[in-house]
Amino acid sequence: MPQGKPNHPLTCRNCGDSFLPSCNREKECSIRCRLLYYVERSGDCFLWTGGKSKSGYGCIQTDGRTERTHRIAYKIFVGPVDIDEEVCHTCDNPLCMNLDHLFIDDHQGNMDDMVTKSRQARHVGESNHLARFSNEQAEDIRLQYARGEVTQKELADLFNTSKQCIHRIVRGKSYVVRPAKTKVQKGEN
């Protein structure tokens, strides 16, 4: 049987209204009802329980585009959001759609908020999921180059990577080693 637009009304599983769906997949009469159907209260947050992006934000299809659910909720229940504006969370929960937890800011304001709250990723060196080397290997690369034993090109060949990757390690742009904080002993200045 061909998939297409049903020719009979359905009942919205959120509000109970009758509606004519535009395709077989629709179970709610509107985006508003779809948002409300997939929300679950958890403390002060209203959490999206539907589909999620790799970065942990709720996602929903609207007009053939995937959009973040907290942004759509803000547009529907509060008002328009300009293309250069971001809908941010005071609760820092990417699944939250509680309108009291959402506010508008620009990208820089959102990044400043992230830094202020110490939420930025700190995946440096081998803790980064894209790391090719251990921190020990990166330190070995630095030492060999610093001693003048080999060129960056030779290190790249030796470690089966690009010269640019070696250059970034040698210059401290990747696999950055931060010195451990030492406590000052009583009597030391």
Protein backbone atom coordinates (compact mmCIF):
# COMPACT_ATOMS: atom_id res chain seq x y z
CA MET A 1 0.00 0.00 0.00
CA PRO A 2 1.52 3.38 -0.96
CA GLN A 3 2.64 5.75 1.77
CA GLY A 4 1.11 9.18 1.39
CA LYS A 5 -1.31 11.63 2.84
CA PRO A 6 -4.13 9.92 4.78
CA ASN A 7 -7.60 10.81 3.51
CA HIS A 8 -9.25 10.60 6.92
CA PRO A 9 -8.91 12.76 10.04
CA LEU A 10 -6.77 11.64 12.96
CA THR A 11 -6.98 12.53 16.63
CA CYS A 12 -4.05 14.49 18.07
CA ARG A 13 -2.40 12.40 20.76
CA ASN A 14 -1.65 15.53 22.78
CA CYS A 15 -4.78 17.69 22.75
CA GLY A 16 -7.39 15.26 21.35
CA ASP A 17 -8.42 17.55 18.47
CA SER A 18 -9.24 16.06 15.10
CA PHE A 19 -6.90 17.01 12.24
CA LEU A 20 -6.00 16.05 8.67
CA PRO A 21 -2.31 15.07 8.66
CA SER A 22 -0.07 16.04 5.76
CA CYS A 23 1.67 12.63 5.93
CA ASN A 24 1.34 9.24 7.64
CA ARG A 25 3.97 10.04 10.27
CA GLU A 26 2.08 12.88 11.95
CA LYS A 27 0.54 12.03 15.31
CA GLU A 28 0.01 15.59 16.60
CA CYS A 29 -2.06 18.38 15.09
CA SER A 30 0.69 21.04 15.33
CA ILE A 31 4.31 21.70 16.22
CA ARG A 32 3.02 23.16 19.50
CA CYS A 33 1.27 19.87 20.37
CA ARG A 34 4.34 17.87 19.30
CA LEU A 35 6.53 19.93 21.64
CA LEU A 36 4.11 19.52 24.53
CA TYR A 37 3.68 15.78 23.94
CA TYR A 38 7.40 15.10 24.35
CA VAL A 39 7.96 17.20 27.48
CA GLU A 40 8.48 15.73 30.93
CA ARG A 41 8.87 17.80 34.09
CA SER A 42 12.06 17.20 36.08
CA GLY A 43 12.44 19.59 39.00
CA ASP A 44 12.20 23.11 37.58
CA CYS A 45 13.12 21.97 34.06
CA PHE A 46 10.71 20.84 31.33
CA LEU A 47 12.78 18.22 29.51
CA TRP A 48 12.44 17.20 25.88
CA THR A 49 12.11 13.40 25.64
CA GLY A 50 12.09 13.12 21.83
CA GLY A 51 15.00 13.06 19.42
CA LYS A 52 18.36 14.53 20.39
CA SER A 53 21.39 15.86 18.53
CA LYS A 54 24.94 14.54 19.07
CA SER A 55 25.57 17.58 21.25
CA GLY A 56 22.65 16.68 23.53
CA TYR A 57 20.07 19.25 22.42
CA GLY A 58 16.47 18.30 21.69
CA CYS A 59 15.72 18.34 17.95
CA ILE A 60 12.55 18.42 15.91
CA GLN A 61 11.75 18.54 12.19
CA THR A 62 9.87 21.65 11.06
CA ASP A 63 9.30 22.59 7.43
CA GLY A 64 11.91 20.06 6.31
CA ARG A 65 14.60 21.46 8.63
CA THR A 66 15.94 20.10 11.91
CA GLU A 67 15.77 22.71 14.65
CA ARG A 68 16.51 22.73 18.35
CA THR A 69 13.40 22.28 20.44
CA HIS A 70 14.13 25.03 22.97
CA ARG A 71 14.44 27.53 20.08
CA ILE A 72 11.13 26.38 18.55
CA ALA A 73 9.43 26.51 21.97
CA TYR A 74 10.64 30.09 22.44
CA LYS A 75 9.36 31.08 18.97
CA ILE A 76 5.94 29.49 19.55
CA PHE A 77 5.28 30.57 23.14
CA VAL A 78 7.23 33.84 23.45
CA GLY A 79 7.85 35.36 20.04
CA PRO A 80 10.18 35.66 17.06
CA VAL A 81 13.90 34.95 17.28
CA ASP A 82 16.22 36.67 14.79
CA ILE A 83 18.60 34.50 12.81
CA ASP A 84 21.63 36.02 14.58
CA GLU A 85 20.13 35.47 18.04
CA GLU A 86 20.58 32.39 20.19
CA VAL A 87 18.12 30.99 22.71
CA CYS A 88 20.18 30.28 25.82
CA HIS A 89 19.51 28.33 29.03
CA THR A 90 19.89 29.77 32.53
CA CYS A 91 19.76 26.17 33.82
CA ASP A 92 22.45 24.97 31.38
CA ASN A 93 20.36 21.90 30.52
CA PRO A 94 20.28 21.51 26.71
CA LEU A 95 17.03 19.49 26.87
CA CYS A 96 15.14 22.08 28.95
CA MET A 97 12.24 23.95 27.34
CA ASN A 98 10.99 25.80 30.44
CA LEU A 99 10.36 29.33 29.16
CA ASP A 100 11.48 30.75 32.52
CA HIS A 101 14.90 29.18 31.88
CA LEU A 102 15.31 30.53 28.33
CA PHE A 103 16.67 33.92 27.27
CA ILE A 104 17.86 35.55 24.06
CA ASP A 105 21.49 36.57 23.51
CA ASP A 106 23.97 36.80 20.66
CA HIS A 107 26.63 34.15 20.07
CA GLN A 108 29.33 36.07 21.96
CA GLY A 109 27.03 36.54 24.96
CA ASN A 110 26.27 32.81 24.95
CA MET A 111 30.01 31.97 24.82
CA ASP A 112 30.75 34.47 27.63
CA ASP A 113 28.01 32.84 29.73
CA MET A 114 29.55 29.41 29.06
CA VAL A 115 33.02 30.60 30.18
CA THR A 116 31.64 32.41 33.23
CA LYS A 117 29.95 29.18 34.33
CA SER A 118 33.04 27.07 33.45
CA ARG A 119 31.09 24.89 31.01
CA GLN A 120 33.58 25.05 28.12
CA ALA A 121 35.16 21.79 27.03
CA ARG A 122 38.61 21.13 28.36
CA HIS A 123 39.47 18.15 26.23
CA VAL A 124 43.14 18.75 25.59
CA GLY A 125 45.81 16.27 24.68
CA GLU A 126 44.90 12.62 24.88
CA SER A 127 41.56 13.38 26.58
CA ASN A 128 40.33 14.82 23.27
CA HIS A 129 38.34 12.20 21.36
CA LEU A 130 40.22 13.12 18.16
CA ALA A 131 43.67 12.70 19.72
CA ARG A 132 46.16 10.76 17.62
CA PHE A 133 48.86 10.57 20.27
CA SER A 134 49.20 10.07 23.99
CA ASN A 135 50.47 13.01 26.04
CA GLU A 136 53.68 11.01 26.53
CA GLN A 137 54.18 10.69 22.75
CA ALA A 138 53.55 14.42 22.29
CA GLU A 139 56.14 15.22 24.94
CA ASP A 140 58.59 12.86 23.21
CA ILE A 141 57.99 14.71 19.91
CA ARG A 142 58.70 18.04 21.63
CA LEU A 143 61.88 16.74 23.25
CA GLN A 144 63.27 15.18 20.07
CA TYR A 145 62.65 18.38 18.14
CA ALA A 146 64.02 20.63 20.92
CA ARG A 147 67.26 18.59 21.04
CA GLY A 148 67.66 19.11 17.29
CA GLU A 149 67.71 15.34 16.72
CA VAL A 150 65.16 15.43 13.88
CA THR A 151 63.22 17.83 11.68
CA GLN A 152 59.46 18.26 11.85
CA LYS A 153 59.17 16.44 8.51
CA GLU A 154 61.14 13.47 9.87
CA LEU A 155 58.94 13.41 12.99
CA ALA A 156 55.84 13.47 10.78
CA ASP A 157 57.14 10.47 8.84
CA LEU A 158 58.18 8.68 12.01
CA PHE A 159 54.76 9.17 13.67
CA ASN A 160 52.79 8.67 10.44
CA THR A 161 51.12 12.07 10.54
CA SER A 162 51.32 15.44 8.81
CA LYS A 163 54.04 18.02 9.27
CA GLN A 164 51.32 20.48 10.30
CA CYS A 165 50.26 18.17 13.15
CA ILE A 166 53.87 17.95 14.37
CA HIS A 167 54.26 21.72 14.03
CA ARG A 168 51.20 22.29 16.25
CA ILE A 169 52.58 19.90 18.90
CA VAL A 170 56.06 21.44 18.83
CA ARG A 171 54.69 25.01 19.05
CA GLY A 172 52.33 24.14 21.92
CA LYS A 173 49.14 24.66 19.90
CA SER A 174 47.95 21.11 20.56
CA TYR A 175 48.70 18.63 23.33
CA VAL A 176 49.30 21.61 25.57
CA VAL A 177 50.95 20.59 28.79
CA ARG A 178 49.89 22.80 31.66
CA PRO A 179 52.21 22.80 34.65
CA ALA A 180 50.66 21.37 37.79
CA LYS A 181 49.84 23.92 40.46
CA THR A 182 52.20 23.62 43.39
CA LYS A 183 51.32 24.58 46.90
CA VAL A 184 53.59 27.08 48.56
CA GLN A 185 54.97 25.65 51.78
CA LYS A 186 54.87 27.69 54.95
CA GLY A 187 57.98 29.82 55.19
CA GLU A 188 58.47 29.97 51.36
CA ASN A 189 57.96 33.24 49.54
